[in-house]
Amino acid sequence: MQVKISTLAAALAVGLITSFTAAAVQAKPHAPVEIVGTVQTQQATLKIAFESAAQQVNVRVHGVDGLTVIGTRSPVIGGTFAAGQVMTLIVNYTPGSGTSNLAVQVDGEFDGKRRSKISSFTVQNGRPTVSGTAANISVDGRGRRIAILPAQTK
């Protein structure tokens, strides 16, 4: 009986690994850009590095959980950037009470395909947070908060 249980357990494990691998392959690729930022009390300096050439690029900034962006929320509309080009943006905002977030969305045509990437920066009580979880919270295209979890390692 133990042989059958072991065989069944192995078969289940192989099935789970296969389905996990298939799900990972079907994931939507993100835009080949790197978004980094320095968050201060009421201002963020964002650097967007383009890893490949892009056309029709839109950059949007959103406040989440009470954070209000001051000025334009769409600093780039229909831009064109070369591979390796780095763009710097200054975003002024009023932080929300408690913990709030500044979300940055970059979308455009990369290698003939429309792609998007979103990053989020956390501000707590008007001060930048120091925790490592800030990069794990993001905002989807509809402004809903989502958590991005790291890949499982063996």
C-alpha atoms as a PDB file:
ATOM      1  CA  MET A   1       0.000   0.000   0.000  1.00  0.00           C
ATOM      2  CA  GLN A   2       2.876   2.391   0.683  1.00  0.00           C
ATOM      3  CA  VAL A   3       4.142   2.010  -2.882  1.00  0.00           C
ATOM      4  CA  LYS A   4       0.789   3.100  -4.291  1.00  0.00           C
ATOM      5  CA  ILE A   5       0.620   6.113  -1.967  1.00  0.00           C
ATOM      6  CA  SER A   6       4.184   7.115  -2.908  1.00  0.00           C
ATOM      7  CA  THR A   7       3.390   6.702  -6.587  1.00  0.00           C
ATOM      8  CA  LEU A   8       0.214   8.757  -6.192  1.00  0.00           C
ATOM      9  CA  ALA A   9       2.094  11.464  -4.247  1.00  0.00           C
ATOM     10  CA  ALA A  10       4.785  11.603  -6.950  1.00  0.00           C
ATOM     11  CA  ALA A  11       2.167  11.829  -9.686  1.00  0.00           C
ATOM     12  CA  LEU A  12       0.401  14.651  -7.853  1.00  0.00           C
ATOM     13  CA  ALA A  13       3.675  16.497  -7.308  1.00  0.00           C
ATOM     14  CA  VAL A  14       4.545  16.225 -10.998  1.00  0.00           C
ATOM     15  CA  GLY A  15       1.066  17.478 -11.915  1.00  0.00           C
ATOM     16  CA  LEU A  16       1.404  20.477  -9.579  1.00  0.00           C
ATOM     17  CA  ILE A  17       4.831  21.335 -10.901  1.00  0.00           C
ATOM     18  CA  THR A  18       3.600  21.047 -14.480  1.00  0.00           C
ATOM     19  CA  SER A  19       0.589  23.283 -13.844  1.00  0.00           C
ATOM     20  CA  PHE A  20       2.758  25.840 -11.976  1.00  0.00           C
ATOM     21  CA  THR A  21       5.217  25.940 -14.882  1.00  0.00           C
ATOM     22  CA  ALA A  22       2.413  26.336 -17.440  1.00  0.00           C
ATOM     23  CA  ALA A  23       0.948  29.253 -15.447  1.00  0.00           C
ATOM     24  CA  ALA A  24       4.343  30.960 -15.254  1.00  0.00           C
ATOM     25  CA  VAL A  25       4.844  30.695 -19.020  1.00  0.00           C
ATOM     26  CA  GLN A  26       1.466  32.340 -19.703  1.00  0.00           C
ATOM     27  CA  ALA A  27       2.162  35.373 -17.497  1.00  0.00           C
ATOM     28  CA  LYS A  28       1.808  38.744 -19.196  1.00  0.00           C
ATOM     29  CA  PRO A  29       5.212  40.292 -19.901  1.00  0.00           C
ATOM     30  CA  HIS A  30       5.735  43.770 -18.500  1.00  0.00           C
ATOM     31  CA  ALA A  31       7.250  46.750 -20.242  1.00  0.00           C
ATOM     32  CA  PRO A  32      11.062  46.609 -20.369  1.00  0.00           C
ATOM     33  CA  VAL A  33      11.588  49.648 -18.157  1.00  0.00           C
ATOM     34  CA  GLU A  34      13.089  50.108 -14.734  1.00  0.00           C
ATOM     35  CA  ILE A  35      11.303  52.549 -12.434  1.00  0.00           C
ATOM     36  CA  VAL A  36      13.215  53.747  -9.368  1.00  0.00           C
ATOM     37  CA  GLY A  37      12.445  56.643  -7.125  1.00  0.00           C
ATOM     38  CA  THR A  38      13.480  58.698  -4.147  1.00  0.00           C
ATOM     39  CA  VAL A  39      10.515  59.670  -2.014  1.00  0.00           C
ATOM     40  CA  GLN A  40      10.674  62.725   0.225  1.00  0.00           C
ATOM     41  CA  THR A  41       8.049  64.366   2.419  1.00  0.00           C
ATOM     42  CA  GLN A  42       6.042  66.006  -0.398  1.00  0.00           C
ATOM     43  CA  GLN A  43       8.034  65.226  -3.526  1.00  0.00           C
ATOM     44  CA  ALA A  44       9.322  62.169  -5.383  1.00  0.00           C
ATOM     45  CA  THR A  45      12.155  62.040  -7.908  1.00  0.00           C
ATOM     46  CA  LEU A  46      11.495  59.209 -10.351  1.00  0.00           C
ATOM     47  CA  LYS A  47      13.944  57.772 -12.870  1.00  0.00           C
ATOM     48  CA  ILE A  48      12.553  55.654 -15.682  1.00  0.00           C
ATOM     49  CA  ALA A  49      15.190  53.716 -17.641  1.00  0.00           C
ATOM     50  CA  PHE A  50      14.132  52.266 -20.993  1.00  0.00           C
ATOM     51  CA  GLU A  51      15.755  48.887 -21.643  1.00  0.00           C
ATOM     52  CA  SER A  52      14.555  48.873 -25.263  1.00  0.00           C
ATOM     53  CA  ALA A  53      13.274  51.487 -27.694  1.00  0.00           C
ATOM     54  CA  ALA A  54       9.667  52.553 -27.182  1.00  0.00           C
ATOM     55  CA  GLN A  55       7.028  54.565 -29.032  1.00  0.00           C
ATOM     56  CA  GLN A  56       3.655  55.966 -27.963  1.00  0.00           C
ATOM     57  CA  VAL A  57       4.816  55.970 -24.323  1.00  0.00           C
ATOM     58  CA  ASN A  58       2.464  57.274 -21.652  1.00  0.00           C
ATOM     59  CA  VAL A  59       3.571  57.908 -18.072  1.00  0.00           C
ATOM     60  CA  ARG A  60       0.913  58.411 -15.432  1.00  0.00           C
ATOM     61  CA  VAL A  61       1.174  59.016 -11.698  1.00  0.00           C
ATOM     62  CA  HIS A  62      -1.604  58.214  -9.236  1.00  0.00           C
ATOM     63  CA  GLY A  63      -2.137  58.788  -5.550  1.00  0.00           C
ATOM     64  CA  VAL A  64      -3.418  55.828  -3.527  1.00  0.00           C
ATOM     65  CA  ASP A  65      -4.794  55.674   0.021  1.00  0.00           C
ATOM     66  CA  GLY A  66      -5.186  59.424   0.418  1.00  0.00           C
ATOM     67  CA  LEU A  67      -2.073  60.650  -1.409  1.00  0.00           C
ATOM     68  CA  THR A  68      -2.949  63.480  -3.821  1.00  0.00           C
ATOM     69  CA  VAL A  69      -0.730  64.264  -6.816  1.00  0.00           C
ATOM     70  CA  ILE A  70      -0.209  68.003  -7.325  1.00  0.00           C
ATOM     71  CA  GLY A  71       0.023  69.081 -10.960  1.00  0.00           C
ATOM     72  CA  THR A  72      -0.270  66.893 -14.025  1.00  0.00           C
ATOM     73  CA  ARG A  73      -1.030  63.220 -13.574  1.00  0.00           C
ATOM     74  CA  SER A  74       0.110  62.446 -17.128  1.00  0.00           C
ATOM     75  CA  PRO A  75       3.581  63.978 -17.517  1.00  0.00           C
ATOM     76  CA  VAL A  76       4.269  62.038 -20.752  1.00  0.00           C
ATOM     77  CA  ILE A  77       1.723  61.293 -23.490  1.00  0.00           C
ATOM     78  CA  GLY A  78       2.795  59.656 -26.764  1.00  0.00           C
ATOM     79  CA  GLY A  79       6.538  59.928 -26.089  1.00  0.00           C
ATOM     80  CA  THR A  80       9.358  58.193 -27.961  1.00  0.00           C
ATOM     81  CA  PHE A  81      12.445  56.893 -26.150  1.00  0.00           C
ATOM     82  CA  ALA A  82      15.627  55.140 -27.300  1.00  0.00           C
ATOM     83  CA  ALA A  83      17.028  52.006 -25.668  1.00  0.00           C
ATOM     84  CA  GLY A  84      19.178  53.042 -22.711  1.00  0.00           C
ATOM     85  CA  GLN A  85      17.541  56.444 -22.345  1.00  0.00           C
ATOM     86  CA  VAL A  86      16.724  57.552 -18.783  1.00  0.00           C
ATOM     87  CA  MET A  87      13.954  60.030 -18.027  1.00  0.00           C
ATOM     88  CA  THR A  88      13.735  61.903 -14.716  1.00  0.00           C
ATOM     89  CA  LEU A  89      10.417  63.178 -13.336  1.00  0.00           C
ATOM     90  CA  ILE A  90       9.716  65.290 -10.276  1.00  0.00           C
ATOM     91  CA  VAL A  91       6.274  64.563  -8.796  1.00  0.00           C
ATOM     92  CA  ASN A  92       4.847  66.829  -6.098  1.00  0.00           C
ATOM     93  CA  TYR A  93       2.131  65.450  -3.837  1.00  0.00           C
ATOM     94  CA  THR A  94       0.288  65.814  -0.570  1.00  0.00           C
ATOM     95  CA  PRO A  95       0.578  62.582   1.428  1.00  0.00           C
ATOM     96  CA  GLY A  96      -2.461  60.975   3.002  1.00  0.00           C
ATOM     97  CA  SER A  97      -2.756  60.406   6.728  1.00  0.00           C
ATOM     98  CA  GLY A  98      -1.113  57.190   7.824  1.00  0.00           C
ATOM     99  CA  THR A  99       0.273  55.096   4.980  1.00  0.00           C
ATOM    100  CA  SER A 100      -0.296  56.173   1.380  1.00  0.00           C
ATOM    101  CA  ASN A 101       1.282  55.327  -1.967  1.00  0.00           C
ATOM    102  CA  LEU A 102       2.464  57.009  -5.133  1.00  0.00           C
ATOM    103  CA  ALA A 103       1.881  54.716  -8.123  1.00  0.00           C
ATOM    104  CA  VAL A 104       3.715  55.188 -11.440  1.00  0.00           C
ATOM    105  CA  GLN A 105       2.463  53.547 -14.640  1.00  0.00           C
ATOM    106  CA  VAL A 106       4.499  53.386 -17.851  1.00  0.00           C
ATOM    107  CA  ASP A 107       2.900  51.927 -20.968  1.00  0.00           C
ATOM    108  CA  GLY A 108       3.897  52.001 -24.604  1.00  0.00           C
ATOM    109  CA  GLU A 109       4.841  50.019 -27.662  1.00  0.00           C
ATOM    110  CA  PHE A 110       8.005  47.985 -27.067  1.00  0.00           C
ATOM    111  CA  ASP A 111       9.293  45.741 -29.868  1.00  0.00           C
ATOM    112  CA  GLY A 112       5.957  46.052 -31.670  1.00  0.00           C
ATOM    113  CA  LYS A 113       3.868  45.007 -28.641  1.00  0.00           C
ATOM    114  CA  ARG A 114       1.860  47.148 -26.238  1.00  0.00           C
ATOM    115  CA  ARG A 115       3.195  46.629 -22.690  1.00  0.00           C
ATOM    116  CA  SER A 116       2.852  48.254 -19.311  1.00  0.00           C
ATOM    117  CA  LYS A 117       4.645  48.379 -15.961  1.00  0.00           C
ATOM    118  CA  ILE A 118       3.526  49.817 -12.633  1.00  0.00           C
ATOM    119  CA  SER A 119       5.613  50.619  -9.561  1.00  0.00           C
ATOM    120  CA  SER A 120       4.516  51.974  -6.217  1.00  0.00           C
ATOM    121  CA  PHE A 121       6.314  54.016  -3.570  1.00  0.00           C
ATOM    122  CA  THR A 122       5.007  54.120  -0.003  1.00  0.00           C
ATOM    123  CA  VAL A 123       4.836  57.194   2.217  1.00  0.00           C
ATOM    124  CA  GLN A 124       3.888  56.832   5.887  1.00  0.00           C
ATOM    125  CA  ASN A 125       2.664  59.846   7.891  1.00  0.00           C
ATOM    126  CA  GLY A 126       4.262  62.161   5.346  1.00  0.00           C
ATOM    127  CA  ARG A 127       7.650  60.395   5.535  1.00  0.00           C
ATOM    128  CA  PRO A 128       9.100  57.784   3.175  1.00  0.00           C
ATOM    129  CA  THR A 129       8.951  54.259   4.576  1.00  0.00           C
ATOM    130  CA  VAL A 130      12.104  52.277   5.136  1.00  0.00           C
ATOM    131  CA  SER A 131      10.611  48.801   4.955  1.00  0.00           C
ATOM    132  CA  GLY A 132      11.334  46.489   2.042  1.00  0.00           C
ATOM    133  CA  THR A 133       7.653  45.895   1.382  1.00  0.00           C
ATOM    134  CA  ALA A 134       7.148  49.136  -0.533  1.00  0.00           C
ATOM    135  CA  ALA A 135       8.239  47.548  -3.820  1.00  0.00           C
ATOM    136  CA  ASN A 136       5.771  44.682  -3.327  1.00  0.00           C
ATOM    137  CA  ILE A 137       2.641  46.831  -3.427  1.00  0.00           C
ATOM    138  CA  SER A 138       1.443  48.035  -6.797  1.00  0.00           C
ATOM    139  CA  VAL A 139      -1.662  49.381  -8.507  1.00  0.00           C
ATOM    140  CA  ASP A 140      -3.388  47.799 -11.484  1.00  0.00           C
ATOM    141  CA  GLY A 141      -4.726  49.684 -14.508  1.00  0.00           C
ATOM    142  CA  ARG A 142      -7.981  50.470 -12.685  1.00  0.00           C
ATOM    143  CA  GLY A 143      -6.251  51.925  -9.626  1.00  0.00           C
ATOM    144  CA  ARG A 144      -6.801  48.880  -7.394  1.00  0.00           C
ATOM    145  CA  ARG A 145      -4.002  47.931  -4.987  1.00  0.00           C
ATOM    146  CA  ILE A 146      -2.344  44.569  -5.663  1.00  0.00           C
ATOM    147  CA  ALA A 147       0.497  42.720  -3.957  1.00  0.00           C
ATOM    148  CA  ILE A 148       3.336  41.366  -6.072  1.00  0.00           C
ATOM    149  CA  LEU A 149       4.871  38.321  -4.443  1.00  0.00           C
ATOM    150  CA  PRO A 150       8.400  37.068  -5.123  1.00  0.00           C
ATOM    151  CA  ALA A 151       8.858  33.867  -7.079  1.00  0.00           C
ATOM    152  CA  GLN A 152       9.258  30.728  -5.038  1.00  0.00           C
ATOM    153  CA  THR A 153      12.846  29.498  -4.882  1.00  0.00           C
ATOM    154  CA  LYS A 154      14.014  25.936  -4.449  1.00  0.00           C
END
